[in-house]
């Protein structure tokens, strides 16, 4: 595939993607640029390090711009503060060639990427905790759900046992029913 065709493919991929997929792509891109910046810093290629940090900064800036504070409330404010912290770390890394700052940003971005991947691939509008991100809460939820299901199953079984009709027929009645049944079957 030629370079031009690949760029067209990438542009089409972005313009047709759903917003949640674009969010994941932004995180993936930022992580990639931070990793490349770390590599270029170790190789003492200052210009390329700066170029990749600038790309990571642009992505973090876009993430800040896409926050909806009306809908997101406290979560949006917390993410904005975290993104601003990451921008500061990226600028510090660029100015002072501090690989530790790039590692902090990479770790934070990787953690956020994992969280958003879980949210996108396992949406939980019903409030079920994430097995990956909240294992303790998920274990409590699973135990409570299993207990509720067991209790409901036992209640349903008791209802079905209580709703059964018990009939005691005499031997004479049973013989008459058998005669009727035999006569009915012979007519068919």
C-alpha atoms as a PDB file:
ATOM      1  CA  UNK A   1       0.000   0.000   0.000  1.00  0.00           C
ATOM      2  CA  UNK A   2       1.457   3.366  -0.963  1.00  0.00           C
ATOM      3  CA  UNK A   3       1.996   6.117   1.605  1.00  0.00           C
ATOM      4  CA  UNK A   4      -0.709   8.273   0.003  1.00  0.00           C
ATOM      5  CA  UNK A   5      -3.220   5.414   0.031  1.00  0.00           C
ATOM      6  CA  UNK A   6      -2.394   4.688   3.681  1.00  0.00           C
ATOM      7  CA  UNK A   7      -2.999   8.337   4.646  1.00  0.00           C
ATOM      8  CA  UNK A   8      -6.379   8.266   2.868  1.00  0.00           C
ATOM      9  CA  UNK A   9      -7.219   5.035   4.692  1.00  0.00           C
ATOM     10  CA  UNK A  10      -6.257   6.579   8.048  1.00  0.00           C
ATOM     11  CA  UNK A  11      -8.306   9.710   7.371  1.00  0.00           C
ATOM     12  CA  UNK A  12     -11.325   7.620   6.385  1.00  0.00           C
ATOM     13  CA  UNK A  13     -10.872   5.474   9.472  1.00  0.00           C
ATOM     14  CA  UNK A  14     -10.954   8.559  11.719  1.00  0.00           C
ATOM     15  CA  UNK A  15     -13.796  10.392   9.967  1.00  0.00           C
ATOM     16  CA  UNK A  16     -16.085   7.350  10.010  1.00  0.00           C
ATOM     17  CA  UNK A  17     -15.268   6.180  13.549  1.00  0.00           C
ATOM     18  CA  UNK A  18     -17.694   6.498  16.424  1.00  0.00           C
ATOM     19  CA  UNK A  19     -16.788   9.027  19.160  1.00  0.00           C
ATOM     20  CA  UNK A  20     -15.792   6.317  21.639  1.00  0.00           C
ATOM     21  CA  UNK A  21     -13.444   4.758  19.073  1.00  0.00           C
ATOM     22  CA  UNK A  22     -11.938   8.190  18.335  1.00  0.00           C
ATOM     23  CA  UNK A  23     -11.309   8.667  22.056  1.00  0.00           C
ATOM     24  CA  UNK A  24      -9.407   5.384  22.176  1.00  0.00           C
ATOM     25  CA  UNK A  25      -7.468   6.368  19.057  1.00  0.00           C
ATOM     26  CA  UNK A  26      -6.452   9.639  20.738  1.00  0.00           C
ATOM     27  CA  UNK A  27      -5.148   7.758  23.771  1.00  0.00           C
ATOM     28  CA  UNK A  28      -3.307   5.272  21.550  1.00  0.00           C
ATOM     29  CA  UNK A  29      -1.719   8.125  19.587  1.00  0.00           C
ATOM     30  CA  UNK A  30      -0.640   9.992  22.698  1.00  0.00           C
ATOM     31  CA  UNK A  31       0.903   6.869  24.211  1.00  0.00           C
ATOM     32  CA  UNK A  32       2.743   6.191  20.954  1.00  0.00           C
ATOM     33  CA  UNK A  33       4.121   9.746  20.720  1.00  0.00           C
ATOM     34  CA  UNK A  34       5.277   9.695  24.350  1.00  0.00           C
ATOM     35  CA  UNK A  35       7.076   6.381  23.789  1.00  0.00           C
ATOM     36  CA  UNK A  36       8.777   7.720  20.661  1.00  0.00           C
ATOM     37  CA  UNK A  37       9.726  10.921  22.530  1.00  0.00           C
ATOM     38  CA  UNK A  38      11.334   8.781  25.268  1.00  0.00           C
ATOM     39  CA  UNK A  39      13.288   6.856  22.655  1.00  0.00           C
ATOM     40  CA  UNK A  40      14.422  10.044  20.902  1.00  0.00           C
ATOM     41  CA  UNK A  41      15.420  11.570  24.244  1.00  0.00           C
ATOM     42  CA  UNK A  42      17.582   8.523  24.986  1.00  0.00           C
ATOM     43  CA  UNK A  43      19.097   8.781  21.501  1.00  0.00           C
ATOM     44  CA  UNK A  44      19.774  12.495  22.149  1.00  0.00           C
ATOM     45  CA  UNK A  45      17.711  13.491  19.097  1.00  0.00           C
ATOM     46  CA  UNK A  46      16.300  16.683  20.565  1.00  0.00           C
ATOM     47  CA  UNK A  47      14.345  17.888  17.544  1.00  0.00           C
ATOM     48  CA  UNK A  48      12.523  14.587  17.076  1.00  0.00           C
ATOM     49  CA  UNK A  49      11.874  14.367  20.818  1.00  0.00           C
ATOM     50  CA  UNK A  50      10.320  17.829  20.737  1.00  0.00           C
ATOM     51  CA  UNK A  51       8.233  16.988  17.678  1.00  0.00           C
ATOM     52  CA  UNK A  52       6.725  13.911  19.362  1.00  0.00           C
ATOM     53  CA  UNK A  53       6.109  15.741  22.634  1.00  0.00           C
ATOM     54  CA  UNK A  54       4.323  18.471  20.648  1.00  0.00           C
ATOM     55  CA  UNK A  55       2.074  15.841  19.068  1.00  0.00           C
ATOM     56  CA  UNK A  56       1.317  14.344  22.493  1.00  0.00           C
ATOM     57  CA  UNK A  57       0.553  17.841  23.834  1.00  0.00           C
ATOM     58  CA  UNK A  58      -1.827  18.463  20.923  1.00  0.00           C
ATOM     59  CA  UNK A  59      -3.712  15.258  21.739  1.00  0.00           C
ATOM     60  CA  UNK A  60      -3.963  16.071  25.450  1.00  0.00           C
ATOM     61  CA  UNK A  61      -5.183  19.544  24.514  1.00  0.00           C
ATOM     62  CA  UNK A  62      -7.850  17.986  22.294  1.00  0.00           C
ATOM     63  CA  UNK A  63      -8.891  15.674  25.126  1.00  0.00           C
ATOM     64  CA  UNK A  64      -9.364  18.741  27.339  1.00  0.00           C
ATOM     65  CA  UNK A  65     -11.415  20.490  24.649  1.00  0.00           C
ATOM     66  CA  UNK A  66     -13.762  17.533  24.265  1.00  0.00           C
ATOM     67  CA  UNK A  67     -14.710  17.389  27.964  1.00  0.00           C
ATOM     68  CA  UNK A  68     -18.379  18.228  28.558  1.00  0.00           C
ATOM     69  CA  UNK A  69     -18.537  19.745  32.022  1.00  0.00           C
ATOM     70  CA  UNK A  70     -22.344  19.964  31.983  1.00  0.00           C
ATOM     71  CA  UNK A  71     -22.738  16.222  31.479  1.00  0.00           C
ATOM     72  CA  UNK A  72     -19.507  15.005  33.098  1.00  0.00           C
ATOM     73  CA  UNK A  73     -19.675  17.097  36.256  1.00  0.00           C
ATOM     74  CA  UNK A  74     -16.989  16.167  38.772  1.00  0.00           C
ATOM     75  CA  UNK A  75     -15.508  13.482  36.503  1.00  0.00           C
ATOM     76  CA  UNK A  76     -14.936  16.062  33.758  1.00  0.00           C
ATOM     77  CA  UNK A  77     -13.289  18.438  36.252  1.00  0.00           C
ATOM     78  CA  UNK A  78     -11.046  15.642  37.554  1.00  0.00           C
ATOM     79  CA  UNK A  79     -10.043  14.583  34.039  1.00  0.00           C
ATOM     80  CA  UNK A  80      -9.290  18.186  33.094  1.00  0.00           C
ATOM     81  CA  UNK A  81      -7.004  18.550  36.134  1.00  0.00           C
ATOM     82  CA  UNK A  82      -5.267  15.271  35.248  1.00  0.00           C
ATOM     83  CA  UNK A  83      -4.833  16.334  31.609  1.00  0.00           C
ATOM     84  CA  UNK A  84      -3.406  19.694  32.732  1.00  0.00           C
ATOM     85  CA  UNK A  85      -0.969  17.847  35.007  1.00  0.00           C
ATOM     86  CA  UNK A  86       0.109  15.698  32.040  1.00  0.00           C
ATOM     87  CA  UNK A  87       0.596  18.790  29.875  1.00  0.00           C
ATOM     88  CA  UNK A  88       2.834  20.277  32.560  1.00  0.00           C
ATOM     89  CA  UNK A  89       4.853  17.050  32.719  1.00  0.00           C
ATOM     90  CA  UNK A  90       5.229  16.962  28.916  1.00  0.00           C
ATOM     91  CA  UNK A  91       6.445  20.575  28.875  1.00  0.00           C
ATOM     92  CA  UNK A  92       8.887  19.865  31.725  1.00  0.00           C
ATOM     93  CA  UNK A  93      10.175  16.791  29.897  1.00  0.00           C
ATOM     94  CA  UNK A  94      10.711  18.830  26.753  1.00  0.00           C
ATOM     95  CA  UNK A  95      12.417  21.751  28.484  1.00  0.00           C
ATOM     96  CA  UNK A  96      14.613  19.788  30.876  1.00  0.00           C
ATOM     97  CA  UNK A  97      15.015  16.442  29.050  1.00  0.00           C
ATOM     98  CA  UNK A  98      13.483  14.537  31.956  1.00  0.00           C
ATOM     99  CA  UNK A  99      12.587  11.006  30.936  1.00  0.00           C
ATOM    100  CA  UNK A 100      10.835  10.494  34.310  1.00  0.00           C
ATOM    101  CA  UNK A 101       8.192  13.050  33.323  1.00  0.00           C
ATOM    102  CA  UNK A 102       7.540  11.198  30.076  1.00  0.00           C
ATOM    103  CA  UNK A 103       7.212   7.939  32.017  1.00  0.00           C
ATOM    104  CA  UNK A 104       4.644   9.536  34.345  1.00  0.00           C
ATOM    105  CA  UNK A 105       2.561  10.671  31.368  1.00  0.00           C
ATOM    106  CA  UNK A 106       2.888   7.301  29.656  1.00  0.00           C
ATOM    107  CA  UNK A 107       1.726   5.486  32.787  1.00  0.00           C
ATOM    108  CA  UNK A 108      -1.243   7.818  33.328  1.00  0.00           C
ATOM    109  CA  UNK A 109      -2.282   7.609  29.681  1.00  0.00           C
ATOM    110  CA  UNK A 110      -1.981   3.823  29.681  1.00  0.00           C
ATOM    111  CA  UNK A 111      -4.149   3.623  32.808  1.00  0.00           C
ATOM    112  CA  UNK A 112      -6.793   5.929  31.305  1.00  0.00           C
ATOM    113  CA  UNK A 113      -6.681   4.007  28.035  1.00  0.00           C
ATOM    114  CA  UNK A 114      -7.330   0.752  29.887  1.00  0.00           C
ATOM    115  CA  UNK A 115     -10.227   2.296  31.782  1.00  0.00           C
ATOM    116  CA  UNK A 116     -11.834   3.800  28.677  1.00  0.00           C
ATOM    117  CA  UNK A 117     -11.313   0.573  26.735  1.00  0.00           C
ATOM    118  CA  UNK A 118     -13.232  -1.253  29.445  1.00  0.00           C
ATOM    119  CA  UNK A 119     -16.002   1.352  29.388  1.00  0.00           C
ATOM    120  CA  UNK A 120     -16.286   1.244  25.584  1.00  0.00           C
ATOM    121  CA  UNK A 121     -16.169  -2.540  25.241  1.00  0.00           C
ATOM    122  CA  UNK A 122     -18.329  -3.273  28.302  1.00  0.00           C
ATOM    123  CA  UNK A 123     -20.827  -0.448  28.684  1.00  0.00           C
ATOM    124  CA  UNK A 124     -22.700  -0.616  31.965  1.00  0.00           C
ATOM    125  CA  UNK A 125     -25.613   1.809  32.012  1.00  0.00           C
ATOM    126  CA  UNK A 126     -27.096  -0.282  34.829  1.00  0.00           C
ATOM    127  CA  UNK A 127     -24.218   0.499  37.174  1.00  0.00           C
ATOM    128  CA  UNK A 128     -22.597  -2.935  37.249  1.00  0.00           C
ATOM    129  CA  UNK A 129     -18.974  -2.558  38.438  1.00  0.00           C
ATOM    130  CA  UNK A 130     -16.166  -3.431  36.050  1.00  0.00           C
ATOM    131  CA  UNK A 131     -14.528  -6.811  36.729  1.00  0.00           C
ATOM    132  CA  UNK A 132     -11.162  -5.406  35.569  1.00  0.00           C
ATOM    133  CA  UNK A 133     -11.196  -1.949  37.111  1.00  0.00           C
ATOM    134  CA  UNK A 134     -13.215  -2.638  40.264  1.00  0.00           C
ATOM    135  CA  UNK A 135     -12.575  -6.284  41.139  1.00  0.00           C
ATOM    136  CA  UNK A 136     -13.613  -5.928  44.793  1.00  0.00           C
ATOM    137  CA  UNK A 137     -16.882  -4.175  43.967  1.00  0.00           C
ATOM    138  CA  UNK A 138     -17.552  -6.634  41.142  1.00  0.00           C
ATOM    139  CA  UNK A 139     -17.022  -9.580  43.516  1.00  0.00           C
ATOM    140  CA  UNK A 140     -19.504  -8.048  45.976  1.00  0.00           C
ATOM    141  CA  UNK A 141     -21.976  -7.391  43.152  1.00  0.00           C
ATOM    142  CA  UNK A 142     -21.601 -10.954  41.827  1.00  0.00           C
ATOM    143  CA  UNK A 143     -22.117 -12.459  45.274  1.00  0.00           C
ATOM    144  CA  UNK A 144     -25.221 -10.331  45.877  1.00  0.00           C
ATOM    145  CA  UNK A 145     -26.593 -11.166  42.405  1.00  0.00           C
ATOM    146  CA  UNK A 146     -25.981 -14.883  42.922  1.00  0.00           C
ATOM    147  CA  UNK A 147     -27.651 -14.763  46.326  1.00  0.00           C
ATOM    148  CA  UNK A 148     -30.658 -12.913  44.860  1.00  0.00           C
ATOM    149  CA  UNK A 149     -30.930 -15.393  41.985  1.00  0.00           C
ATOM    150  CA  UNK A 150     -30.748 -18.352  44.385  1.00  0.00           C
ATOM    151  CA  UNK A 151     -33.415 -16.793  46.607  1.00  0.00           C
ATOM    152  CA  UNK A 152     -35.675 -16.047  43.614  1.00  0.00           C
ATOM    153  CA  UNK A 153     -35.207 -19.585  42.311  1.00  0.00           C
ATOM    154  CA  UNK A 154     -36.209 -21.047  45.668  1.00  0.00           C
ATOM    155  CA  UNK A 155     -39.265 -18.765  45.868  1.00  0.00           C
ATOM    156  CA  UNK A 156     -40.351 -19.779  42.363  1.00  0.00           C
ATOM    157  CA  UNK A 157     -39.910 -23.439  43.223  1.00  0.00           C
ATOM    158  CA  UNK A 158     -42.001 -23.006  46.390  1.00  0.00           C
ATOM    159  CA  UNK A 159     -44.716 -21.228  44.391  1.00  0.00           C
ATOM    160  CA  UNK A 160     -44.853 -24.027  41.832  1.00  0.00           C
ATOM    161  CA  UNK A 161     -45.007 -26.649  44.579  1.00  0.00           C
ATOM    162  CA  UNK A 162     -47.780 -24.743  46.348  1.00  0.00           C
ATOM    163  CA  UNK A 163     -49.797 -24.228  43.194  1.00  0.00           C
ATOM    164  CA  UNK A 164     -49.949 -27.939  42.328  1.00  0.00           C
ATOM    165  CA  UNK A 165     -53.378 -29.497  42.836  1.00  0.00           C
ATOM    166  CA  UNK A 166     -53.490 -32.695  44.794  1.00  0.00           C
ATOM    167  CA  UNK A 167     -56.393 -35.004  43.953  1.00  0.00           C
ATOM    168  CA  UNK A 168     -57.051 -38.304  45.652  1.00  0.00           C
ATOM    169  CA  UNK A 169     -59.195 -40.525  43.455  1.00  0.00           C
ATOM    170  CA  UNK A 170     -60.797 -43.734  44.511  1.00  0.00           C
ATOM    171  CA  UNK A 171     -60.019 -46.944  42.668  1.00  0.00           C
ATOM    172  CA  UNK A 172     -63.536 -46.846  41.166  1.00  0.00           C
ATOM    173  CA  UNK A 173     -63.002 -43.311  39.819  1.00  0.00           C
ATOM    174  CA  UNK A 174     -59.662 -44.281  38.310  1.00  0.00           C
ATOM    175  CA  UNK A 175     -61.259 -47.306  36.600  1.00  0.00           C
ATOM    176  CA  UNK A 176     -64.023 -45.092  35.163  1.00  0.00           C
ATOM    177  CA  UNK A 177     -61.455 -42.571  33.868  1.00  0.00           C
ATOM    178  CA  UNK A 178     -59.507 -45.373  32.236  1.00  0.00           C
ATOM    179  CA  UNK A 179     -62.682 -46.639  30.516  1.00  0.00           C
ATOM    180  CA  UNK A 180     -63.457 -43.115  29.278  1.00  0.00           C
ATOM    181  CA  UNK A 181     -59.910 -42.638  28.051  1.00  0.00           C
ATOM    182  CA  UNK A 182     -59.920 -45.998  26.262  1.00  0.00           C
ATOM    183  CA  UNK A 183     -63.264 -45.190  24.617  1.00  0.00           C
ATOM    184  CA  UNK A 184     -62.033 -41.763  23.558  1.00  0.00           C
ATOM    185  CA  UNK A 185     -58.866 -43.209  22.029  1.00  0.00           C
ATOM    186  CA  UNK A 186     -60.860 -45.884  20.142  1.00  0.00           C
ATOM    187  CA  UNK A 187     -63.034 -43.163  18.483  1.00  0.00           C
ATOM    188  CA  UNK A 188     -59.937 -41.422  17.102  1.00  0.00           C
END
